[in-house]
Amino acid sequence: MEINQSFQPGEVVYIIIRNPHAQDVAHVQQAAVVQDPESHTGLSLFIHETYFPLTEEFAVYQTEEEAEQAYQEAFDSPDTGGETYYG
């Protein structure tokens, strides 16, 4: 199934996004699923006043809890002793 078929315009989703200026900094960000303003056939994520094509390149989560869990699994290293890192 294509990722565009999993979501509907108007849905609020959550993604893990990296800071483009500091690749070791990431956080969970809320995004809106919208009709792609350029192609009108696909969907986009609207984040920070910018449209991003909704593709397999984004790990998109239905709930903030799912995104937070994935974030912890990806970025909470064992050597931090379980401390929360807000990078």
Protein backbone atom coordinates (compact mmCIF):
# COMPACT_ATOMS: atom_id res chain seq x y z
CA MET A 1 0.00 0.00 0.00
CA GLU A 2 1.30 3.45 -0.90
CA ILE A 3 1.76 5.82 2.05
CA ASN A 4 -0.64 8.38 0.52
CA GLN A 5 -3.44 5.81 0.80
CA SER A 6 -2.92 5.55 4.57
CA PHE A 7 -3.78 9.18 5.34
CA GLN A 8 -6.52 11.70 4.61
CA PRO A 9 -6.23 15.47 4.15
CA GLY A 10 -6.90 17.23 7.44
CA GLU A 11 -5.35 14.51 9.62
CA VAL A 12 -2.87 15.53 12.30
CA VAL A 13 0.15 13.22 12.46
CA TYR A 14 3.50 13.16 14.22
CA ILE A 15 6.96 12.75 12.74
CA ILE A 16 10.51 12.68 14.04
CA ILE A 17 12.33 15.55 12.39
CA ARG A 18 15.99 16.46 12.50
CA ASN A 19 17.34 19.97 12.75
CA PRO A 20 18.89 20.68 9.31
CA HIS A 21 21.66 22.73 10.94
CA ALA A 22 22.56 20.20 13.63
CA GLN A 23 22.06 16.60 12.56
CA ASP A 24 22.45 15.28 16.10
CA VAL A 25 19.33 17.18 17.18
CA ALA A 26 15.89 15.66 16.58
CA HIS A 27 12.43 15.94 18.09
CA VAL A 28 8.84 14.84 17.62
CA GLN A 29 6.89 17.35 15.57
CA GLN A 30 3.19 17.64 14.86
CA ALA A 31 2.30 17.94 11.17
CA ALA A 32 -0.84 18.28 9.10
CA VAL A 33 -1.64 16.05 6.14
CA VAL A 34 -2.81 18.27 3.28
CA GLN A 35 -3.50 18.04 -0.42
CA ASP A 36 -0.23 18.61 -2.28
CA PRO A 37 -0.43 22.21 -3.55
CA GLU A 38 1.79 21.49 -6.58
CA SER A 39 0.53 18.17 -7.92
CA HIS A 40 -3.05 18.15 -6.57
CA THR A 41 -2.96 14.35 -6.87
CA GLY A 42 -0.86 13.47 -3.84
CA LEU A 43 -0.57 14.47 -0.24
CA SER A 44 1.96 16.59 1.61
CA LEU A 45 2.98 17.18 5.20
CA PHE A 46 2.64 20.80 6.28
CA ILE A 47 5.30 21.63 8.87
CA HIS A 48 6.79 25.01 9.83
CA GLU A 49 4.93 26.83 7.02
CA THR A 50 6.50 24.44 4.47
CA TYR A 51 5.08 21.59 2.38
CA PHE A 52 6.94 18.27 2.22
CA PRO A 53 5.74 15.49 -0.11
CA LEU A 54 4.29 12.62 1.94
CA THR A 55 6.65 9.81 0.96
CA GLU A 56 8.19 6.71 2.50
CA GLU A 57 11.15 8.91 3.53
CA PHE A 58 9.14 10.14 6.53
CA ALA A 59 8.34 7.98 9.52
CA VAL A 60 4.77 9.13 10.14
CA TYR A 61 2.89 8.18 13.31
CA GLN A 62 -0.83 8.37 14.04
CA THR A 63 -0.32 9.38 17.68
CA GLU A 64 2.19 11.41 19.62
CA GLU A 65 2.74 8.43 21.93
CA GLU A 66 3.81 6.22 19.00
CA ALA A 67 6.21 8.91 17.79
CA GLU A 68 7.65 9.45 21.27
CA GLN A 69 8.20 5.70 21.70
CA ALA A 70 10.00 5.49 18.34
CA TYR A 71 12.06 8.54 19.28
CA GLN A 72 13.11 6.94 22.56
CA GLU A 73 14.05 3.70 20.80
CA ALA A 74 16.13 5.57 18.22
CA PHE A 75 17.76 8.29 20.31
CA ASP A 76 17.83 7.17 23.97
CA SER A 77 21.18 5.41 24.11
CA PRO A 78 21.92 2.94 26.93
CA ASP A 79 24.96 4.93 28.08
CA THR A 80 22.76 7.89 29.11
CA GLY A 81 21.31 5.82 31.93
CA GLY A 82 17.77 6.34 30.70
CA GLU A 83 17.96 10.11 31.09
CA THR A 84 15.86 12.10 28.67
CA TYR A 85 17.86 13.96 26.04
CA TYR A 86 16.28 17.09 24.63
CA GLY A 87 19.15 17.95 22.22
